[in-house]
Amino acid sequence: MIDEAARCGYSKCRAELPGPGPQGGRRRTFCRDTRWEGGRSCAQMARAERDALDALGLDSSRAAFGLDADRLREHVDAVRGPVAALTDALAAVTGRIDEVEAHAVAAVEEANRRAAEAERTRLAAEQARDEAVARARRGAEAAERAATERAEAVDRAGAAARQALEATEALGAARRQAQEATDARDAAEARAERATDDRDLARRETRDAQLTAERLAVERDAERSRADEAVTARRRAEDRADALAADLTVASRAADTAEAQRAAAVTQAERDREAADGAVRGLESRLAEERARAVADVQRMRTELRVAEEARDRAVADAERFRAELELARPSVDELRALLAAVRHRT
């Protein structure tokens, strides 16, 4: 049974089209509501298909297209193998390039990381050295302050000793004055006994002498108190001087310890710097080896790419040869088309 229904003119659709209405009219050629990729209609897709066939130099009729499509399929099958091999070779080259690039990037990152670690180690050593120097400087300053305080304590102790000596001399003078007062009182009593007429005067002199003696006794007691205070102050000054001497000894020991720590820190910093320099030299050597291997891999990949390009050129030449064969076969296609038209006309 022959299908007389009208169908869509787009080769991938071929949906049945509705007939004209009761009032007649022109029959549709393409679907109206069907949409393809990009929102294009069947008419737009058919137009794009005809443009593609015209670009290939093929006839747009279905019969001629079938014959040309078979020949095209044969040639496509013939070049499919080289194209697939070319694709695989390009994929292998791309993978190898990615692998070499990944190795090179990893090596560079590792070198940068180790260089950063060496830099951090160097900075830590320098900071430890600076701290040791600062501690030594503070120890020296503390020692200087202790020496200054000790000198001041010695000066204060000397001043206290001088004050004690002066107080002792004043006490001797007071004692002499008291002795003189006692002698004067004895003389006055003697004079009172010897001279009755001078009794009142002697009594007054005696009272005056007693007052003087009492005043001198009070002054003597005050001088004794000041002397005791001077002795106490001298003892405190001596204790302070001893404490300052002990502090000076501790500060000297701390300064010696800080100097030893600074020397150890400097030695350790030198060792860390030498170790970092050795690590950097090792990294540079390994990086040079990796770079040499990468260059060799790039040379090998360039060779492989050149081989792949040659295979691609051969595939292009095969395609050109296929196009030339299509051009040669076109008269035969035209004859078959004329024959098919004659058969249709007779039917």
Protein backbone atom coordinates (compact mmCIF):
# COMPACT_ATOMS: atom_id res chain seq x y z
CA MET A 1 0.00 0.00 0.00
CA ILE A 2 1.38 3.36 -1.06
CA ASP A 3 1.42 6.03 1.65
CA GLU A 4 -0.32 9.03 0.12
CA ALA A 5 -0.24 11.12 3.35
CA ALA A 6 1.72 14.38 3.23
CA ARG A 7 4.69 14.42 5.57
CA CYS A 8 7.06 17.08 6.90
CA GLY A 9 9.87 18.00 4.51
CA TYR A 10 12.57 17.85 7.25
CA SER A 11 14.38 14.49 6.99
CA LYS A 12 14.59 13.97 10.78
CA CYS A 13 10.91 14.77 11.41
CA ARG A 14 8.75 13.24 8.61
CA ALA A 15 5.65 13.75 10.72
CA GLU A 16 2.29 13.43 8.97
CA LEU A 17 0.88 16.81 8.00
CA PRO A 18 -2.84 17.65 8.17
CA GLY A 19 -4.68 18.07 4.87
CA PRO A 20 -6.13 21.35 3.65
CA GLY A 21 -9.35 22.54 5.28
CA PRO A 22 -12.84 22.40 3.80
CA GLN A 23 -12.18 25.59 1.91
CA GLY A 24 -9.13 24.08 0.23
CA GLY A 25 -5.91 25.96 -0.01
CA ARG A 26 -2.23 25.14 -0.33
CA ARG A 27 -0.99 22.01 1.42
CA ARG A 28 1.64 22.53 4.14
CA THR A 29 5.23 21.43 3.59
CA PHE A 30 6.63 21.54 7.18
CA CYS A 31 5.31 21.22 10.70
CA ARG A 32 4.17 24.45 12.25
CA ASP A 33 4.45 23.78 16.01
CA THR A 34 7.44 21.38 16.25
CA ARG A 35 10.61 22.98 17.67
CA TRP A 36 14.20 21.69 17.65
CA GLU A 37 17.43 22.74 19.38
CA GLY A 38 17.70 26.50 19.65
CA GLY A 39 13.94 26.91 19.18
CA ARG A 40 14.23 26.43 15.40
CA SER A 41 11.28 25.14 13.34
CA CYS A 42 11.30 22.24 10.86
CA ALA A 43 11.52 24.68 7.93
CA GLN A 44 14.62 26.33 9.44
CA MET A 45 16.23 22.95 10.11
CA ALA A 46 15.51 21.79 6.53
CA ARG A 47 17.00 25.01 5.16
CA ALA A 48 20.14 24.47 7.25
CA GLU A 49 20.33 20.89 6.01
CA ARG A 50 20.13 22.01 2.36
CA ASP A 51 22.83 24.64 2.98
CA ALA A 52 25.10 21.96 4.44
CA LEU A 53 24.54 19.68 1.45
CA ASP A 54 25.17 22.53 -0.96
CA ALA A 55 28.43 23.31 0.88
CA LEU A 56 29.51 19.69 0.35
CA GLY A 57 28.54 19.88 -3.35
CA LEU A 58 25.74 17.27 -2.97
CA ASP A 59 22.30 17.33 -4.57
CA SER A 60 19.47 17.98 -2.18
CA SER A 61 17.09 15.38 -3.70
CA ARG A 62 16.55 12.29 -1.59
CA ALA A 63 17.58 9.76 -4.24
CA ALA A 64 20.82 11.53 -5.17
CA PHE A 65 21.46 12.17 -1.50
CA GLY A 66 21.09 8.46 -0.75
CA LEU A 67 23.67 7.50 -3.38
CA ASP A 68 26.07 10.25 -2.36
CA ALA A 69 25.56 9.41 1.32
CA ASP A 70 26.58 5.78 0.71
CA ARG A 71 29.78 6.87 -1.03
CA LEU A 72 30.41 9.44 1.66
CA ARG A 73 29.86 6.81 4.36
CA GLU A 74 32.42 4.52 2.72
CA HIS A 75 35.02 7.25 2.60
CA VAL A 76 34.20 8.33 6.15
CA ASP A 77 34.67 4.74 7.29
CA ALA A 78 37.98 4.68 5.42
CA VAL A 79 39.30 7.78 7.20
CA ARG A 80 37.72 6.95 10.56
CA GLY A 81 40.63 4.73 11.61
CA PRO A 82 43.39 7.32 10.98
CA VAL A 83 41.28 10.03 12.58
CA ALA A 84 40.68 7.84 15.65
CA ALA A 85 44.41 7.06 15.83
CA LEU A 86 45.14 10.78 15.52
CA THR A 87 42.62 11.51 18.29
CA ASP A 88 44.18 8.88 20.56
CA ALA A 89 47.68 10.20 19.85
CA LEU A 90 46.57 13.76 20.60
CA ALA A 91 44.89 12.58 23.81
CA ALA A 92 48.08 10.74 24.86
CA VAL A 93 50.21 13.80 24.08
CA THR A 94 47.81 16.03 26.02
CA GLY A 95 47.85 13.63 28.97
CA ARG A 96 51.64 13.47 28.95
CA ILE A 97 51.85 17.29 28.80
CA ASP A 98 49.45 17.54 31.76
CA GLU A 99 51.51 14.96 33.69
CA VAL A 100 54.80 16.75 33.03
CA GLU A 101 53.24 20.09 33.89
CA ALA A 102 51.82 18.64 37.13
CA HIS A 103 55.26 17.21 38.07
CA ALA A 104 56.96 20.51 37.30
CA VAL A 105 54.38 22.52 39.27
CA ALA A 106 54.68 20.10 42.21
CA ALA A 107 58.48 20.38 42.15
CA VAL A 108 58.33 24.17 42.05
CA GLU A 109 55.78 24.25 44.89
CA GLU A 110 57.96 21.88 46.96
CA ALA A 111 61.01 24.07 46.31
CA ASN A 112 59.07 27.19 47.29
CA ARG A 113 57.78 25.48 50.44
CA ARG A 114 61.26 24.39 51.52
CA ALA A 115 62.66 27.83 50.76
CA ALA A 116 59.88 29.35 52.90
CA GLU A 117 60.71 26.91 55.72
CA ALA A 118 64.38 27.83 55.49
CA GLU A 119 63.47 31.51 55.56
CA ARG A 120 61.26 30.97 58.64
CA THR A 121 64.09 29.05 60.34
CA ARG A 122 66.52 31.87 59.56
CA LEU A 123 64.09 34.50 60.89
CA ALA A 124 63.53 32.44 64.07
CA ALA A 125 67.31 32.15 64.59
CA GLU A 126 67.76 35.88 64.07
CA GLN A 127 64.92 36.58 66.51
CA ALA A 128 66.51 34.25 69.11
CA ARG A 129 69.85 36.00 68.58
CA ASP A 130 68.22 39.42 69.00
CA GLU A 131 66.46 38.24 72.17
CA ALA A 132 69.77 36.90 73.57
CA VAL A 133 71.49 40.20 72.77
CA ALA A 134 68.62 42.10 74.41
CA ARG A 135 68.85 39.89 77.51
CA ALA A 136 72.63 40.45 77.65
CA ARG A 137 72.09 44.20 77.28
CA ARG A 138 69.49 44.18 80.07
CA GLY A 139 71.90 42.14 82.27
CA ALA A 140 74.67 44.64 81.64
CA GLU A 141 72.32 47.52 82.46
CA ALA A 142 71.24 45.73 85.67
CA ALA A 143 74.90 45.21 86.57
CA GLU A 144 75.60 48.89 85.98
CA ARG A 145 72.60 49.87 88.12
CA ALA A 146 73.76 47.46 90.87
CA ALA A 147 77.25 48.96 90.78
CA THR A 148 75.77 52.47 90.99
CA GLU A 149 73.51 51.48 93.90
CA ARG A 150 76.44 49.81 95.64
CA ALA A 151 78.54 52.99 95.28
CA GLU A 152 75.64 55.05 96.60
CA ALA A 153 75.23 52.63 99.53
CA VAL A 154 78.96 52.88 100.28
CA ASP A 155 78.68 56.69 100.20
CA ARG A 156 75.67 56.58 102.51
CA ALA A 157 77.53 54.21 104.87
CA GLY A 158 80.52 56.60 104.93
CA ALA A 159 78.22 59.53 105.66
CA ALA A 160 76.56 57.54 108.46
CA ALA A 161 79.99 56.65 109.86
CA ARG A 162 80.99 60.31 109.77
CA GLN A 163 77.77 61.24 111.54
CA ALA A 164 78.44 58.55 114.18
CA LEU A 165 81.97 59.88 114.66
CA GLU A 166 80.68 63.42 115.04
CA ALA A 167 78.05 62.19 117.48
CA THR A 168 80.78 60.39 119.48
CA GLU A 169 82.87 63.56 119.54
CA ALA A 170 79.84 65.57 120.66
CA LEU A 171 79.20 62.99 123.39
CA GLY A 172 82.83 63.38 124.59
CA ALA A 173 82.44 67.15 124.62
CA ALA A 174 79.21 66.77 126.59
CA ARG A 175 80.93 64.48 129.04
CA ARG A 176 83.72 66.97 129.45
CA GLN A 177 81.19 69.72 130.00
CA ALA A 178 79.39 67.56 132.57
CA GLN A 179 82.68 66.85 134.30
CA GLU A 180 83.47 70.54 134.30
CA ALA A 181 80.01 71.25 135.70
CA THR A 182 80.56 68.67 138.41
CA ASP A 183 83.92 70.24 139.24
CA ALA A 184 82.31 73.66 139.32
CA ARG A 185 79.57 72.34 141.60
CA ASP A 186 82.17 70.82 143.94
CA ALA A 187 84.07 74.12 143.94
CA ALA A 188 80.86 75.99 144.67
CA GLU A 189 80.05 73.65 147.54
CA ALA A 190 83.54 74.15 148.85
CA ARG A 191 83.20 77.85 148.52
CA ALA A 192 79.79 77.64 150.28
CA GLU A 193 81.36 75.78 153.15
CA ARG A 194 84.26 78.17 153.35
CA ALA A 195 82.29 81.38 152.99
CA THR A 196 79.08 81.77 154.79
CA ASP A 197 78.57 85.17 153.34
CA ASP A 198 78.77 83.77 149.88
CA ARG A 199 76.22 81.03 150.68
CA ASP A 200 73.39 82.52 148.69
CA LEU A 201 75.65 83.20 145.74
CA ALA A 202 77.04 79.70 145.99
CA ARG A 203 73.55 78.28 146.17
CA ARG A 204 72.57 80.18 143.04
CA GLU A 205 75.71 79.06 141.30
CA THR A 206 74.95 75.53 142.48
CA ARG A 207 71.43 75.70 141.07
CA ASP A 208 72.78 77.11 137.85
CA ALA A 209 75.38 74.39 137.73
CA GLN A 210 72.69 71.77 138.39
CA LEU A 211 70.53 73.19 135.61
CA THR A 212 73.52 73.23 133.31
CA ALA A 213 74.34 69.67 134.32
CA GLU A 214 70.76 68.57 133.72
CA ARG A 215 70.72 70.32 130.38
CA LEU A 216 74.03 68.72 129.48
CA ALA A 217 72.66 65.35 130.62
CA VAL A 218 69.65 65.84 128.34
CA GLU A 219 71.90 66.83 125.48
CA ARG A 220 74.12 63.83 126.27
CA ASP A 221 71.09 61.50 126.11
CA ALA A 222 70.05 63.13 122.80
CA GLU A 223 73.55 62.69 121.43
CA ARG A 224 73.52 59.05 122.57
CA SER A 225 70.20 58.56 120.77
CA ARG A 226 71.58 60.16 117.60
CA ALA A 227 74.71 58.00 117.90
CA ASP A 228 72.55 54.87 118.25
CA GLU A 229 70.53 55.92 115.20
CA ALA A 230 73.76 56.54 113.26
CA VAL A 231 75.02 53.04 114.21
CA THR A 232 71.66 51.53 113.14
CA ALA A 233 71.80 53.45 109.87
CA ARG A 234 75.38 52.29 109.30
CA ARG A 235 74.33 48.67 109.90
CA ARG A 236 71.40 49.06 107.47
CA ALA A 237 73.76 50.62 104.93
CA GLU A 238 76.18 47.71 105.36
CA ASP A 239 73.28 45.22 104.91
CA ARG A 240 72.13 47.13 101.82
CA ALA A 241 75.68 47.11 100.44
CA ASP A 242 75.90 43.33 101.04
CA ALA A 243 72.53 42.82 99.28
CA LEU A 244 73.65 44.99 96.38
CA ALA A 245 76.89 43.00 96.16
CA ALA A 246 74.84 39.78 96.02
CA ASP A 247 72.58 41.31 93.34
CA LEU A 248 75.67 42.35 91.40
CA THR A 249 76.98 38.78 91.58
CA VAL A 250 73.61 37.42 90.34
CA ALA A 251 73.51 40.04 87.56
CA SER A 252 77.06 39.13 86.51
CA ARG A 253 76.13 35.47 86.38
CA ALA A 254 72.97 36.32 84.39
CA ALA A 255 75.06 38.40 81.98
CA ASP A 256 77.51 35.51 81.55
CA THR A 257 74.59 33.10 80.97
CA ALA A 258 72.99 35.50 78.46
CA GLU A 259 76.29 35.85 76.62
CA ALA A 260 76.66 32.06 76.48
CA GLN A 261 73.07 31.75 75.21
CA ARG A 262 73.71 34.45 72.61
CA ALA A 263 76.84 32.64 71.41
CA ALA A 264 74.91 29.33 71.27
CA ALA A 265 72.05 31.02 69.40
CA VAL A 266 74.48 32.56 66.90
CA THR A 267 76.17 29.17 66.41
CA GLN A 268 72.79 27.46 65.94
CA ALA A 269 71.69 30.19 63.51
CA GLU A 270 74.86 29.64 61.46
CA ARG A 271 74.19 25.90 61.45
CA ASP A 272 70.54 26.44 60.42
CA ARG A 273 71.63 28.83 57.67
CA GLU A 274 74.19 26.30 56.37
CA ALA A 275 71.53 23.55 56.48
CA ALA A 276 69.04 25.82 54.66
CA ASP A 277 71.67 26.68 52.04
CA GLY A 278 72.37 22.96 51.53
CA ALA A 279 68.64 22.24 51.20
CA VAL A 280 68.24 25.08 48.70
CA ARG A 281 71.20 23.79 46.67
CA GLY A 282 69.69 20.29 46.71
CA LEU A 283 66.33 21.68 45.61
CA GLU A 284 67.98 23.66 42.83
CA SER A 285 69.80 20.49 41.66
CA ARG A 286 66.59 18.45 41.70
CA LEU A 287 64.73 21.27 39.97
CA ALA A 288 67.39 21.35 37.25
CA GLU A 289 67.03 17.58 36.81
CA GLU A 290 63.25 17.91 36.63
CA ARG A 291 63.61 20.74 34.13
CA ALA A 292 65.94 18.61 31.98
CA ARG A 293 63.47 15.71 32.10
CA ALA A 294 60.62 18.08 31.26
CA VAL A 295 62.58 19.44 28.28
CA ALA A 296 63.24 15.89 27.07
CA ASP A 297 59.55 15.03 27.48
CA VAL A 298 58.57 18.17 25.58
CA GLN A 299 60.97 17.24 22.75
CA ARG A 300 59.50 13.73 22.65
CA MET A 301 55.96 15.11 22.68
CA ARG A 302 56.84 17.52 19.89
CA THR A 303 58.03 14.53 17.87
CA GLU A 304 54.80 12.68 18.65
CA LEU A 305 52.79 15.78 17.76
CA ARG A 306 54.66 16.07 14.46
CA VAL A 307 53.80 12.42 13.71
CA ALA A 308 50.17 13.12 14.64
CA GLU A 309 50.12 16.19 12.38
CA GLU A 310 51.49 14.09 9.53
CA ALA A 311 48.68 11.57 10.13
CA ARG A 312 46.20 14.45 10.16
CA ASP A 313 47.63 15.75 6.88
CA ARG A 314 47.25 12.29 5.39
CA ALA A 315 43.63 12.19 6.58
CA VAL A 316 43.00 15.62 5.02
CA ALA A 317 44.58 14.42 1.78
CA ASP A 318 42.29 11.35 1.86
CA ALA A 319 39.30 13.64 2.36
CA GLU A 320 40.38 15.81 -0.57
CA ARG A 321 40.82 12.69 -2.68
CA PHE A 322 37.32 11.58 -1.63
CA ARG A 323 35.94 14.98 -2.65
CA ALA A 324 37.66 14.63 -6.03
CA GLU A 325 36.15 11.15 -6.46
CA LEU A 326 32.75 12.61 -5.62
CA GLU A 327 33.25 15.22 -8.31
CA LEU A 328 34.17 12.48 -10.78
CA ALA A 329 31.17 10.39 -9.79
CA ARG A 330 28.72 13.28 -10.13
CA PRO A 331 27.99 12.62 -13.91
CA SER A 332 26.98 9.07 -13.00
CA VAL A 333 24.74 10.45 -10.29
CA ASP A 334 23.16 12.85 -12.78
CA GLU A 335 22.48 9.93 -15.15
CA LEU A 336 20.89 7.93 -12.35
CA ARG A 337 18.80 10.95 -11.41
CA ALA A 338 17.60 11.32 -15.02
CA LEU A 339 16.80 7.60 -15.14
CA LEU A 340 14.87 7.83 -11.89
CA ALA A 341 12.93 10.84 -13.22
CA ALA A 342 12.05 8.88 -16.35
CA VAL A 343 10.84 5.95 -14.26
CA ARG A 344 8.72 8.27 -12.15
CA HIS A 345 7.29 9.86 -15.26
CA ARG A 346 6.31 6.47 -16.67
CA THR A 347 4.70 5.44 -13.37
